[in-house]
Amino acid sequence: MLKNNFANTKRRMDAEEGGEPRLPLSEVVSDCIKRWFQDTLKEARTGDINMQVLVAQMYYSGYGVARDANKGRIWITKASRIRSSVWKVSSKRPGYNASDSDSESDELTGDS
């Protein structure tokens, strides 16, 4: 209810200013993230391994989609059939690649 009141107040303020109704930035960003997930999912379904990893990360973290570890596991399993190293990044934040720093940090600390 509070959200509806805020939205109505915002629309009235915009109407009074003579401008078009504007959305709060948080809603715009949320919409962009959801669309990013949909675009990524579309590419993952075509077999793009990088997008499969990203979809898995998004499902694991709930970024742009409801959190679902089972679906994340399914997508990371698909990607791992091509490249087994993807398991290293399965639980990392979206966009984190296996080549980012895991291999470098292993070499620096001697953890091979």
PDB file of N, CA and C in Angstrom:
ATOM      1  N   MET A   1       0.820  -1.182   0.000  1.00  0.00           N
ATOM      2  CA  MET A   1       0.000   0.000   0.000  1.00  0.00           C
ATOM      3  C   MET A   1       0.869   1.252   0.000  1.00  0.00           C
ATOM      4  N   LEU A   2       1.941   1.235   0.770  1.00  0.00           N
ATOM      5  CA  LEU A   2       2.850   2.373   0.820  1.00  0.00           C
ATOM      6  C   LEU A   2       3.453   2.628  -0.554  1.00  0.00           C
ATOM      7  N   LYS A   3       3.781   1.561  -1.270  1.00  0.00           N
ATOM      8  CA  LYS A   3       4.351   1.700  -2.602  1.00  0.00           C
ATOM      9  C   LYS A   3       3.350   2.365  -3.549  1.00  0.00           C
ATOM     10  N   ASN A   4       2.076   1.965  -3.454  1.00  0.00           N
ATOM     11  CA  ASN A   4       1.044   2.567  -4.297  1.00  0.00           C
ATOM     12  C   ASN A   4       0.888   4.051  -3.997  1.00  0.00           C
ATOM     13  N   ASN A   5       0.922   4.408  -2.716  1.00  0.00           N
ATOM     14  CA  ASN A   5       0.816   5.817  -2.336  1.00  0.00           C
ATOM     15  C   ASN A   5       1.971   6.624  -2.911  1.00  0.00           C
ATOM     16  N   PHE A   6       3.166   6.041  -2.824  1.00  0.00           N
ATOM     17  CA  PHE A   6       4.346   6.715  -3.370  1.00  0.00           C
ATOM     18  C   PHE A   6       4.195   6.913  -4.875  1.00  0.00           C
ATOM     19  N   ALA A   7       3.752   5.880  -5.560  1.00  0.00           N
ATOM     20  CA  ALA A   7       3.586   5.958  -7.016  1.00  0.00           C
ATOM     21  C   ALA A   7       2.553   7.014  -7.390  1.00  0.00           C
ATOM     22  N   ASN A   8       1.440   7.044  -6.667  1.00  0.00           N
ATOM     23  CA  ASN A   8       0.400   8.041  -6.954  1.00  0.00           C
ATOM     24  C   ASN A   8       0.903   9.456  -6.696  1.00  0.00           C
ATOM     25  N   THR A   9       1.617   9.642  -5.604  1.00  0.00           N
ATOM     26  CA  THR A   9       2.169  10.955  -5.282  1.00  0.00           C
ATOM     27  C   THR A   9       3.157  11.386  -6.354  1.00  0.00           C
ATOM     28  N   LYS A  10       3.987  10.460  -6.780  1.00  0.00           N
ATOM     29  CA  LYS A  10       4.990  10.758  -7.802  1.00  0.00           C
ATOM     30  C   LYS A  10       4.321  11.167  -9.113  1.00  0.00           C
ATOM     31  N   ARG A  11       3.279  10.453  -9.508  1.00  0.00           N
ATOM     32  CA  ARG A  11       2.564  10.783 -10.748  1.00  0.00           C
ATOM     33  C   ARG A  11       1.941  12.180 -10.671  1.00  0.00           C
ATOM     34  N   ARG A  12       1.357  12.481  -9.506  1.00  0.00           N
ATOM     35  CA  ARG A  12       0.746  13.807  -9.341  1.00  0.00           C
ATOM     36  C   ARG A  12       1.802  14.898  -9.428  1.00  0.00           C
ATOM     37  N   MET A  13       2.951  14.663  -8.806  1.00  0.00           N
ATOM     38  CA  MET A  13       4.014  15.659  -8.840  1.00  0.00           C
ATOM     39  C   MET A  13       4.474  15.890 -10.273  1.00  0.00           C
ATOM     40  N   ASP A  14       4.633  14.816 -11.010  1.00  0.00           N
ATOM     41  CA  ASP A  14       5.060  14.946 -12.399  1.00  0.00           C
ATOM     42  C   ASP A  14       4.003  15.661 -13.232  1.00  0.00           C
ATOM     43  N   ALA A  15       2.741  15.334 -12.994  1.00  0.00           N
ATOM     44  CA  ALA A  15       1.652  15.972 -13.738  1.00  0.00           C
ATOM     45  C   ALA A  15       1.607  17.464 -13.431  1.00  0.00           C
ATOM     46  N   GLU A  16       1.854  17.813 -12.162  1.00  0.00           N
ATOM     47  CA  GLU A  16       1.847  19.223 -11.778  1.00  0.00           C
ATOM     48  C   GLU A  16       2.986  19.974 -12.455  1.00  0.00           C
ATOM     49  N   GLU A  17       4.096  19.300 -12.649  1.00  0.00           N
ATOM     50  CA  GLU A  17       5.247  19.926 -13.292  1.00  0.00           C
ATOM     51  C   GLU A  17       5.074  19.981 -14.805  1.00  0.00           C
ATOM     52  N   GLY A  18       4.038  19.342 -15.316  1.00  0.00           N
ATOM     53  CA  GLY A  18       3.798  19.351 -16.753  1.00  0.00           C
ATOM     54  C   GLY A  18       4.619  18.316 -17.501  1.00  0.00           C
ATOM     55  N   GLY A  19       5.340  17.481 -16.779  1.00  0.00           N
ATOM     56  CA  GLY A  19       6.153  16.453 -17.420  1.00  0.00           C
ATOM     57  C   GLY A  19       5.412  15.139 -17.525  1.00  0.00           C
ATOM     58  N   GLU A  20       6.023  14.217 -18.206  1.00  0.00           N
ATOM     59  CA  GLU A  20       5.442  12.886 -18.296  1.00  0.00           C
ATOM     60  C   GLU A  20       5.752  12.133 -17.010  1.00  0.00           C
ATOM     61  N   PRO A  21       4.905  11.162 -16.671  1.00  0.00           N
ATOM     62  CA  PRO A  21       5.176  10.381 -15.455  1.00  0.00           C
ATOM     63  C   PRO A  21       6.553   9.722 -15.534  1.00  0.00           C
ATOM     64  N   ARG A  22       7.259   9.768 -14.424  1.00  0.00           N
ATOM     65  CA  ARG A  22       8.597   9.184 -14.374  1.00  0.00           C
ATOM     66  C   ARG A  22       8.618   8.077 -13.348  1.00  0.00           C
ATOM     67  N   LEU A  23       9.440   7.088 -13.607  1.00  0.00           N
ATOM     68  CA  LEU A  23       9.604   5.976 -12.680  1.00  0.00           C
ATOM     69  C   LEU A  23      10.805   6.235 -11.783  1.00  0.00           C
ATOM     70  N   PRO A  24      10.740   5.761 -10.554  1.00  0.00           N
ATOM     71  CA  PRO A  24      11.918   5.852  -9.688  1.00  0.00           C
ATOM     72  C   PRO A  24      13.068   5.046 -10.298  1.00  0.00           C
ATOM     73  N   LEU A  25      14.284   5.492 -10.089  1.00  0.00           N
ATOM     74  CA  LEU A  25      15.461   4.837 -10.643  1.00  0.00           C
ATOM     75  C   LEU A  25      15.527   3.364 -10.252  1.00  0.00           C
ATOM     76  N   SER A  26      15.147   3.036  -9.025  1.00  0.00           N
ATOM     77  CA  SER A  26      15.210   1.639  -8.576  1.00  0.00           C
ATOM     78  C   SER A  26      14.337   0.734  -9.441  1.00  0.00           C
ATOM     79  N   GLU A  27      13.180   1.246  -9.884  1.00  0.00           N
ATOM     80  CA  GLU A  27      12.311   0.446 -10.750  1.00  0.00           C
ATOM     81  C   GLU A  27      12.916   0.284 -12.140  1.00  0.00           C
ATOM     82  N   VAL A  28      13.546   1.331 -12.629  1.00  0.00           N
ATOM     83  CA  VAL A  28      14.185   1.271 -13.943  1.00  0.00           C
ATOM     84  C   VAL A  28      15.319   0.251 -13.924  1.00  0.00           C
ATOM     85  N   VAL A  29      16.155   0.307 -12.889  1.00  0.00           N
ATOM     86  CA  VAL A  29      17.277  -0.619 -12.762  1.00  0.00           C
ATOM     87  C   VAL A  29      16.774  -2.045 -12.627  1.00  0.00           C
ATOM     88  N   SER A  30      15.758  -2.246 -11.805  1.00  0.00           N
ATOM     89  CA  SER A  30      15.189  -3.581 -11.626  1.00  0.00           C
ATOM     90  C   SER A  30      14.683  -4.143 -12.949  1.00  0.00           C
ATOM     91  N   ASP A  31      14.013  -3.315 -13.729  1.00  0.00           N
ATOM     92  CA  ASP A  31      13.517  -3.744 -15.033  1.00  0.00           C
ATOM     93  C   ASP A  31      14.675  -4.106 -15.964  1.00  0.00           C
ATOM     94  N   CYS A  32      15.739  -3.315 -15.949  1.00  0.00           N
ATOM     95  CA  CYS A  32      16.914  -3.595 -16.789  1.00  0.00           C
ATOM     96  C   CYS A  32      17.556  -4.926 -16.419  1.00  0.00           C
ATOM     97  N   ILE A  33      17.660  -5.187 -15.128  1.00  0.00           N
ATOM     98  CA  ILE A  33      18.264  -6.437 -14.666  1.00  0.00           C
ATOM     99  C   ILE A  33      17.425  -7.627 -15.104  1.00  0.00           C
ATOM    100  N   LYS A  34      16.106  -7.502 -15.004  1.00  0.00           N
ATOM    101  CA  LYS A  34      15.222  -8.593 -15.435  1.00  0.00           C
ATOM    102  C   LYS A  34      15.337  -8.823 -16.936  1.00  0.00           C
ATOM    103  N   ARG A  35      15.418  -7.739 -17.711  1.00  0.00           N
ATOM    104  CA  ARG A  35      15.574  -7.885 -19.163  1.00  0.00           C
ATOM    105  C   ARG A  35      16.933  -8.482 -19.501  1.00  0.00           C
ATOM    106  N   TRP A  36      17.967  -8.120 -18.728  1.00  0.00           N
ATOM    107  CA  TRP A  36      19.293  -8.694 -18.939  1.00  0.00           C
ATOM    108  C   TRP A  36      19.227 -10.203 -18.733  1.00  0.00           C
ATOM    109  N   PHE A  37      18.540 -10.632 -17.679  1.00  0.00           N
ATOM    110  CA  PHE A  37      18.394 -12.065 -17.444  1.00  0.00           C
ATOM    111  C   PHE A  37      17.704 -12.735 -18.629  1.00  0.00           C
ATOM    112  N   GLN A  38      16.611 -12.147 -19.119  1.00  0.00           N
ATOM    113  CA  GLN A  38      15.872 -12.740 -20.244  1.00  0.00           C
ATOM    114  C   GLN A  38      16.746 -12.833 -21.495  1.00  0.00           C
ATOM    115  N   ASP A  39      17.509 -11.798 -21.780  1.00  0.00           N
ATOM    116  CA  ASP A  39      18.413 -11.818 -22.938  1.00  0.00           C
ATOM    117  C   ASP A  39      19.499 -12.875 -22.771  1.00  0.00           C
ATOM    118  N   THR A  40      20.034 -12.974 -21.562  1.00  0.00           N
ATOM    119  CA  THR A  40      21.075 -13.956 -21.276  1.00  0.00           C
ATOM    120  C   THR A  40      20.532 -15.368 -21.403  1.00  0.00           C
ATOM    121  N   LEU A  41      19.336 -15.598 -20.889  1.00  0.00           N
ATOM    122  CA  LEU A  41      18.699 -16.909 -20.981  1.00  0.00           C
ATOM    123  C   LEU A  41      18.493 -17.309 -22.441  1.00  0.00           C
ATOM    124  N   LYS A  42      18.077 -16.362 -23.247  1.00  0.00           N
ATOM    125  CA  LYS A  42      17.865 -16.626 -24.677  1.00  0.00           C
ATOM    126  C   LYS A  42      19.167 -17.092 -25.333  1.00  0.00           C
ATOM    127  N   GLU A  43      20.266 -16.413 -25.034  1.00  0.00           N
ATOM    128  CA  GLU A  43      21.570 -16.788 -25.591  1.00  0.00           C
ATOM    129  C   GLU A  43      22.050 -18.126 -25.030  1.00  0.00           C
ATOM    130  N   ALA A  44      21.800 -18.369 -23.756  1.00  0.00           N
ATOM    131  CA  ALA A  44      22.211 -19.633 -23.136  1.00  0.00           C
ATOM    132  C   ALA A  44      21.517 -20.813 -23.803  1.00  0.00           C
ATOM    133  N   ARG A  45      20.255 -20.622 -24.150  1.00  0.00           N
ATOM    134  CA  ARG A  45      19.500 -21.699 -24.802  1.00  0.00           C
ATOM    135  C   ARG A  45      20.044 -22.036 -26.183  1.00  0.00           C
ATOM    136  N   THR A  46      20.746 -21.089 -26.812  1.00  0.00           N
ATOM    137  CA  THR A  46      21.335 -21.362 -28.128  1.00  0.00           C
ATOM    138  C   THR A  46      22.649 -22.125 -28.008  1.00  0.00           C
ATOM    139  N   GLY A  47      23.135 -22.314 -26.769  1.00  0.00           N
ATOM    140  CA  GLY A  47      24.354 -23.085 -26.555  1.00  0.00           C
ATOM    141  C   GLY A  47      25.575 -22.263 -26.200  1.00  0.00           C
ATOM    142  N   ASP A  48      25.429 -20.965 -26.022  1.00  0.00           N
ATOM    143  CA  ASP A  48      26.557 -20.107 -25.656  1.00  0.00           C
ATOM    144  C   ASP A  48      26.994 -20.441 -24.232  1.00  0.00           C
ATOM    145  N   ILE A  49      28.169 -21.026 -24.102  1.00  0.00           N
ATOM    146  CA  ILE A  49      28.642 -21.506 -22.796  1.00  0.00           C
ATOM    147  C   ILE A  49      28.813 -20.370 -21.793  1.00  0.00           C
ATOM    148  N   ASN A  50      29.297 -19.222 -22.251  1.00  0.00           N
ATOM    149  CA  ASN A  50      29.471 -18.093 -21.331  1.00  0.00           C
ATOM    150  C   ASN A  50      28.133 -17.624 -20.778  1.00  0.00           C
ATOM    151  N   MET A  51      27.125 -17.623 -21.616  1.00  0.00           N
ATOM    152  CA  MET A  51      25.791 -17.212 -21.174  1.00  0.00           C
ATOM    153  C   MET A  51      25.166 -18.283 -20.275  1.00  0.00           C
ATOM    154  N   GLN A  52      25.495 -19.545 -20.502  1.00  0.00           N
ATOM    155  CA  GLN A  52      25.013 -20.611 -19.623  1.00  0.00           C
ATOM    156  C   GLN A  52      25.570 -20.433 -18.218  1.00  0.00           C
ATOM    157  N   VAL A  53      26.844 -20.092 -18.135  1.00  0.00           N
ATOM    158  CA  VAL A  53      27.465 -19.841 -16.827  1.00  0.00           C
ATOM    159  C   VAL A  53      26.811 -18.630 -16.166  1.00  0.00           C
ATOM    160  N   LEU A  54      26.589 -17.579 -16.938  1.00  0.00           N
ATOM    161  CA  LEU A  54      25.978 -16.371 -16.391  1.00  0.00           C
ATOM    162  C   LEU A  54      24.557 -16.638 -15.900  1.00  0.00           C
ATOM    163  N   VAL A  55      23.778 -17.411 -16.653  1.00  0.00           N
ATOM    164  CA  VAL A  55      22.422 -17.769 -16.219  1.00  0.00           C
ATOM    165  C   VAL A  55      22.494 -18.548 -14.909  1.00  0.00           C
ATOM    166  N   ALA A  56      23.427 -19.484 -14.817  1.00  0.00           N
ATOM    167  CA  ALA A  56      23.587 -20.254 -13.578  1.00  0.00           C
ATOM    168  C   ALA A  56      23.894 -19.328 -12.407  1.00  0.00           C
ATOM    169  N   GLN A  57      24.819 -18.397 -12.600  1.00  0.00           N
ATOM    170  CA  GLN A  57      25.171 -17.454 -11.541  1.00  0.00           C
ATOM    171  C   GLN A  57      23.978 -16.591 -11.152  1.00  0.00           C
ATOM    172  N   MET A  58      23.201 -16.189 -12.136  1.00  0.00           N
ATOM    173  CA  MET A  58      22.032 -15.352 -11.853  1.00  0.00           C
ATOM    174  C   MET A  58      20.987 -16.137 -11.065  1.00  0.00           C
ATOM    175  N   TYR A  59      20.793 -17.395 -11.415  1.00  0.00           N
ATOM    176  CA  TYR A  59      19.857 -18.223 -10.647  1.00  0.00           C
ATOM    177  C   TYR A  59      20.372 -18.449  -9.224  1.00  0.00           C
ATOM    178  N   TYR A  60      21.665 -18.757  -9.085  1.00  0.00           N
ATOM    179  CA  TYR A  60      22.224 -18.994  -7.752  1.00  0.00           C
ATOM    180  C   TYR A  60      22.091 -17.767  -6.855  1.00  0.00           C
ATOM    181  N   SER A  61      22.287 -16.579  -7.422  1.00  0.00           N
ATOM    182  CA  SER A  61      22.276 -15.363  -6.607  1.00  0.00           C
ATOM    183  C   SER A  61      20.920 -14.665  -6.559  1.00  0.00           C
ATOM    184  N   GLY A  62      20.017 -15.046  -7.446  1.00  0.00           N
ATOM    185  CA  GLY A  62      18.726 -14.370  -7.502  1.00  0.00           C
ATOM    186  C   GLY A  62      18.821 -13.011  -8.173  1.00  0.00           C
ATOM    187  N   TYR A  63      19.747 -12.857  -9.075  1.00  0.00           N
ATOM    188  CA  TYR A  63      19.981 -11.584  -9.759  1.00  0.00           C
ATOM    189  C   TYR A  63      19.164 -11.526 -11.044  1.00  0.00           C
ATOM    190  N   GLY A  64      18.085 -10.748 -11.040  1.00  0.00           N
ATOM    191  CA  GLY A  64      17.228 -10.615 -12.207  1.00  0.00           C
ATOM    192  C   GLY A  64      16.172 -11.691 -12.329  1.00  0.00           C
ATOM    193  N   VAL A  65      16.174 -12.607 -11.384  1.00  0.00           N
ATOM    194  CA  VAL A  65      15.255 -13.744 -11.396  1.00  0.00           C
ATOM    195  C   VAL A  65      15.140 -14.253  -9.960  1.00  0.00           C
ATOM    196  N   ALA A  66      14.071 -14.968  -9.667  1.00  0.00           N
ATOM    197  CA  ALA A  66      13.936 -15.549  -8.325  1.00  0.00           C
ATOM    198  C   ALA A  66      15.068 -16.553  -8.092  1.00  0.00           C
ATOM    199  N   ARG A  67      15.641 -16.527  -6.906  1.00  0.00           N
ATOM    200  CA  ARG A  67      16.741 -17.434  -6.579  1.00  0.00           C
ATOM    201  C   ARG A  67      16.269 -18.880  -6.687  1.00  0.00           C
ATOM    202  N   ASP A  68      17.038 -19.690  -7.414  1.00  0.00           N
ATOM    203  CA  ASP A  68      16.691 -21.093  -7.610  1.00  0.00           C
ATOM    204  C   ASP A  68      17.976 -21.881  -7.835  1.00  0.00           C
ATOM    205  N   ALA A  69      18.505 -22.453  -6.766  1.00  0.00           N
ATOM    206  CA  ALA A  69      19.769 -23.183  -6.843  1.00  0.00           C
ATOM    207  C   ALA A  69      19.676 -24.393  -7.761  1.00  0.00           C
ATOM    208  N   ASN A  70      18.517 -25.030  -7.808  1.00  0.00           N
ATOM    209  CA  ASN A  70      18.366 -26.203  -8.670  1.00  0.00           C
ATOM    210  C   ASN A  70      18.516 -25.823 -10.148  1.00  0.00           C
ATOM    211  N   LYS A  71      17.869 -24.743 -10.565  1.00  0.00           N
ATOM    212  CA  LYS A  71      18.004 -24.294 -11.958  1.00  0.00           C
ATOM    213  C   LYS A  71      19.433 -23.830 -12.229  1.00  0.00           C
ATOM    214  N   GLY A  72      20.054 -23.204 -11.248  1.00  0.00           N
ATOM    215  CA  GLY A  72      21.448 -22.803 -11.396  1.00  0.00           C
ATOM    216  C   GLY A  72      22.340 -24.002 -11.626  1.00  0.00           C
ATOM    217  N   ARG A  73      22.103 -25.053 -10.866  1.00  0.00           N
ATOM    218  CA  ARG A  73      22.882 -26.285 -10.998  1.00  0.00           C
ATOM    219  C   ARG A  73      22.685 -26.913 -12.381  1.00  0.00           C
ATOM    220  N   ILE A  74      21.456 -26.883 -12.876  1.00  0.00           N
ATOM    221  CA  ILE A  74      21.174 -27.440 -14.206  1.00  0.00           C
ATOM    222  C   ILE A  74      21.980 -26.698 -15.274  1.00  0.00           C
ATOM    223  N   TRP A  75      21.983 -25.365 -15.200  1.00  0.00           N
ATOM    224  CA  TRP A  75      22.703 -24.587 -16.212  1.00  0.00           C
ATOM    225  C   TRP A  75      24.214 -24.744 -16.090  1.00  0.00           C
ATOM    226  N   ILE A  76      24.731 -24.819 -14.885  1.00  0.00           N
ATOM    227  CA  ILE A  76      26.180 -24.966 -14.736  1.00  0.00           C
ATOM    228  C   ILE A  76      26.610 -26.360 -15.191  1.00  0.00           C
ATOM    229  N   THR A  77      25.735 -27.351 -15.015  1.00  0.00           N
ATOM    230  CA  THR A  77      26.030 -28.703 -15.491  1.00  0.00           C
ATOM    231  C   THR A  77      26.112 -28.715 -17.013  1.00  0.00           C
ATOM    232  N   LYS A  78      25.191 -28.020 -17.675  1.00  0.00           N
ATOM    233  CA  LYS A  78      25.238 -27.926 -19.146  1.00  0.00           C
ATOM    234  C   LYS A  78      26.557 -27.311 -19.595  1.00  0.00           C
ATOM    235  N   ALA A  79      26.947 -26.227 -18.954  1.00  0.00           N
ATOM    236  CA  ALA A  79      28.184 -25.545 -19.336  1.00  0.00           C
ATOM    237  C   ALA A  79      29.407 -26.398 -19.029  1.00  0.00           C
ATOM    238  N   SER A  80      29.358 -27.175 -17.954  1.00  0.00           N
ATOM    239  CA  SER A  80      30.522 -27.972 -17.552  1.00  0.00           C
ATOM    240  C   SER A  80      30.797 -29.126 -18.507  1.00  0.00           C
ATOM    241  N   ARG A  81      29.829 -29.488 -19.319  1.00  0.00           N
ATOM    242  CA  ARG A  81      30.058 -30.549 -20.311  1.00  0.00           C
ATOM    243  C   ARG A  81      31.079 -30.103 -21.349  1.00  0.00           C
ATOM    244  N   ILE A  82      31.172 -28.806 -21.549  1.00  0.00           N
ATOM    245  CA  ILE A  82      32.125 -28.239 -22.505  1.00  0.00           C
ATOM    246  C   ILE A  82      33.410 -27.811 -21.789  1.00  0.00           C
ATOM    247  N   ARG A  83      33.250 -27.194 -20.622  1.00  0.00           N
ATOM    248  CA  ARG A  83      34.403 -26.666 -19.892  1.00  0.00           C
ATOM    249  C   ARG A  83      34.210 -26.929 -18.401  1.00  0.00           C
ATOM    250  N   SER A  84      34.961 -27.866 -17.863  1.00  0.00           N
ATOM    251  CA  SER A  84      34.770 -28.276 -16.465  1.00  0.00           C
ATOM    252  C   SER A  84      35.141 -27.190 -15.457  1.00  0.00           C
ATOM    253  N   SER A  85      35.947 -26.231 -15.854  1.00  0.00           N
ATOM    254  CA  SER A  85      36.373 -25.183 -14.920  1.00  0.00           C
ATOM    255  C   SER A  85      35.235 -24.266 -14.489  1.00  0.00           C
ATOM    256  N   VAL A  86      34.077 -24.352 -15.145  1.00  0.00           N
ATOM    257  CA  VAL A  86      32.968 -23.465 -14.776  1.00  0.00           C
ATOM    258  C   VAL A  86      32.473 -23.730 -13.365  1.00  0.00           C
ATOM    259  N   TRP A  87      32.716 -24.912 -12.830  1.00  0.00           N
ATOM    260  CA  TRP A  87      32.271 -25.204 -11.460  1.00  0.00           C
ATOM    261  C   TRP A  87      32.928 -24.266 -10.456  1.00  0.00           C
ATOM    262  N   LYS A  88      34.128 -23.767 -10.768  1.00  0.00           N
ATOM    263  CA  LYS A  88      34.825 -22.842  -9.862  1.00  0.00           C
ATOM    264  C   LYS A  88      34.036 -21.556  -9.637  1.00  0.00           C
ATOM    265  N   VAL A  89      33.290 -21.144 -10.652  1.00  0.00           N
ATOM    266  CA  VAL A  89      32.599 -19.858 -10.574  1.00  0.00           C
ATOM    267  C   VAL A  89      31.093 -19.993 -10.413  1.00  0.00           C
ATOM    268  N   SER A  90      30.615 -21.196 -10.241  1.00  0.00           N
ATOM    269  CA  SER A  90      29.164 -21.411 -10.199  1.00  0.00           C
ATOM    270  C   SER A  90      28.470 -20.613  -9.102  1.00  0.00           C
ATOM    271  N   SER A  91      29.118 -20.443  -7.969  1.00  0.00           N
ATOM    272  CA  SER A  91      28.471 -19.721  -6.867  1.00  0.00           C
ATOM    273  C   SER A  91      28.955 -18.274  -6.744  1.00  0.00           C
ATOM    274  N   LYS A  92      29.748 -17.820  -7.696  1.00  0.00           N
ATOM    275  CA  LYS A  92      30.238 -16.434  -7.684  1.00  0.00           C
ATOM    276  C   LYS A  92      29.145 -15.491  -8.174  1.00  0.00           C
ATOM    277  N   ARG A  93      29.361 -14.206  -7.972  1.00  0.00           N
ATOM    278  CA  ARG A  93      28.387 -13.206  -8.422  1.00  0.00           C
ATOM    279  C   ARG A  93      28.301 -13.222  -9.951  1.00  0.00           C
ATOM    280  N   PRO A  94      27.164 -12.802 -10.504  1.00  0.00           N
ATOM    281  CA  PRO A  94      27.004 -12.793 -11.961  1.00  0.00           C
ATOM    282  C   PRO A  94      28.091 -11.981 -12.657  1.00  0.00           C
ATOM    283  N   GLY A  95      28.625 -12.563 -13.720  1.00  0.00           N
ATOM    284  CA  GLY A  95      29.654 -11.892 -14.492  1.00  0.00           C
ATOM    285  C   GLY A  95      31.062 -12.290 -14.113  1.00  0.00           C
ATOM    286  N   TYR A  96      31.237 -13.026 -13.027  1.00  0.00           N
ATOM    287  CA  TYR A  96      32.557 -13.463 -12.592  1.00  0.00           C
ATOM    288  C   TYR A  96      32.978 -14.631 -13.465  1.00  0.00           C
ATOM    289  N   ASN A  97      34.119 -14.526 -14.119  1.00  0.00           N
ATOM    290  CA  ASN A  97      34.598 -15.576 -15.020  1.00  0.00           C
ATOM    291  C   ASN A  97      35.686 -16.407 -14.368  1.00  0.00           C
ATOM    292  N   ALA A  98      35.803 -17.640 -14.799  1.00  0.00           N
ATOM    293  CA  ALA A  98      36.828 -18.529 -14.263  1.00  0.00           C
ATOM    294  C   ALA A  98      38.211 -17.958 -14.506  1.00  0.00           C
ATOM    295  N   SER A  99      38.371 -17.205 -15.567  1.00  0.00           N
ATOM    296  CA  SER A  99      39.675 -16.655 -15.893  1.00  0.00           C
ATOM    297  C   SER A  99      39.974 -15.355 -15.152  1.00  0.00           C
ATOM    298  N   ASP A 100      38.994 -14.802 -14.429  1.00  0.00           N
ATOM    299  CA  ASP A 100      39.195 -13.508 -13.773  1.00  0.00           C
ATOM    300  C   ASP A 100      40.354 -13.523 -12.784  1.00  0.00           C
ATOM    301  N   SER A 101      40.200 -14.219 -11.678  1.00  0.00           N
ATOM    302  CA  SER A 101      41.286 -14.181 -10.699  1.00  0.00           C
ATOM    303  C   SER A 101      41.532 -15.508 -10.010  1.00  0.00           C
ATOM    304  N   ASP A 102      40.688 -16.494 -10.213  1.00  0.00           N
ATOM    305  CA  ASP A 102      40.900 -17.776  -9.544  1.00  0.00           C
ATOM    306  C   ASP A 102      42.254 -18.381  -9.890  1.00  0.00           C
ATOM    307  N   SER A 103      42.582 -18.432 -11.172  1.00  0.00           N
ATOM    308  CA  SER A 103      43.834 -19.058 -11.567  1.00  0.00           C
ATOM    309  C   SER A 103      45.027 -18.244 -11.082  1.00  0.00           C
ATOM    310  N   GLU A 104      44.912 -16.910 -11.124  1.00  0.00           N
ATOM    311  CA  GLU A 104      45.997 -16.066 -10.657  1.00  0.00           C
ATOM    312  C   GLU A 104      46.195 -16.202  -9.156  1.00  0.00           C
ATOM    313  N   SER A 105      45.111 -16.218  -8.385  1.00  0.00           N
ATOM    314  CA  SER A 105      45.250 -16.299  -6.936  1.00  0.00           C
ATOM    315  C   SER A 105      45.797 -17.655  -6.523  1.00  0.00           C
ATOM    316  N   ASP A 106      45.440 -18.718  -7.259  1.00  0.00           N
ATOM    317  CA  ASP A 106      45.985 -20.039  -6.958  1.00  0.00           C
ATOM    318  C   ASP A 106      47.496 -20.047  -7.152  1.00  0.00           C
ATOM    319  N   GLU A 107      47.960 -19.395  -8.219  1.00  0.00           N
ATOM    320  CA  GLU A 107      49.391 -19.354  -8.485  1.00  0.00           C
ATOM    321  C   GLU A 107      50.116 -18.509  -7.446  1.00  0.00           C
ATOM    322  N   LEU A 108      49.518 -17.394  -7.049  1.00  0.00           N
ATOM    323  CA  LEU A 108      50.164 -16.495  -6.102  1.00  0.00           C
ATOM    324  C   LEU A 108      50.261 -17.098  -4.708  1.00  0.00           C
ATOM    325  N   THR A 109      49.239 -17.843  -4.299  1.00  0.00           N
ATOM    326  CA  THR A 109      49.248 -18.401  -2.952  1.00  0.00           C
ATOM    327  C   THR A 109      49.850 -19.796  -2.911  1.00  0.00           C
ATOM    328  N   GLY A 110      50.122 -20.359  -4.088  1.00  0.00           N
ATOM    329  CA  GLY A 110      50.678 -21.698  -4.127  1.00  0.00           C
ATOM    330  C   GLY A 110      49.634 -22.778  -4.004  1.00  0.00           C
ATOM    331  N   ASP A 111      48.333 -22.420  -4.070  1.00  0.00           N
ATOM    332  CA  ASP A 111      47.245 -23.394  -3.992  1.00  0.00           C
ATOM    333  C   ASP A 111      46.956 -23.935  -5.381  1.00  0.00           C
ATOM    334  N   SER A 112      47.611 -24.956  -5.778  1.00  0.00           N
ATOM    335  CA  SER A 112      47.382 -25.499  -7.119  1.00  0.00           C
ATOM    336  C   SER A 112      46.479 -26.675  -7.074  1.00  0.00           C
TER     337      SER A 112
END
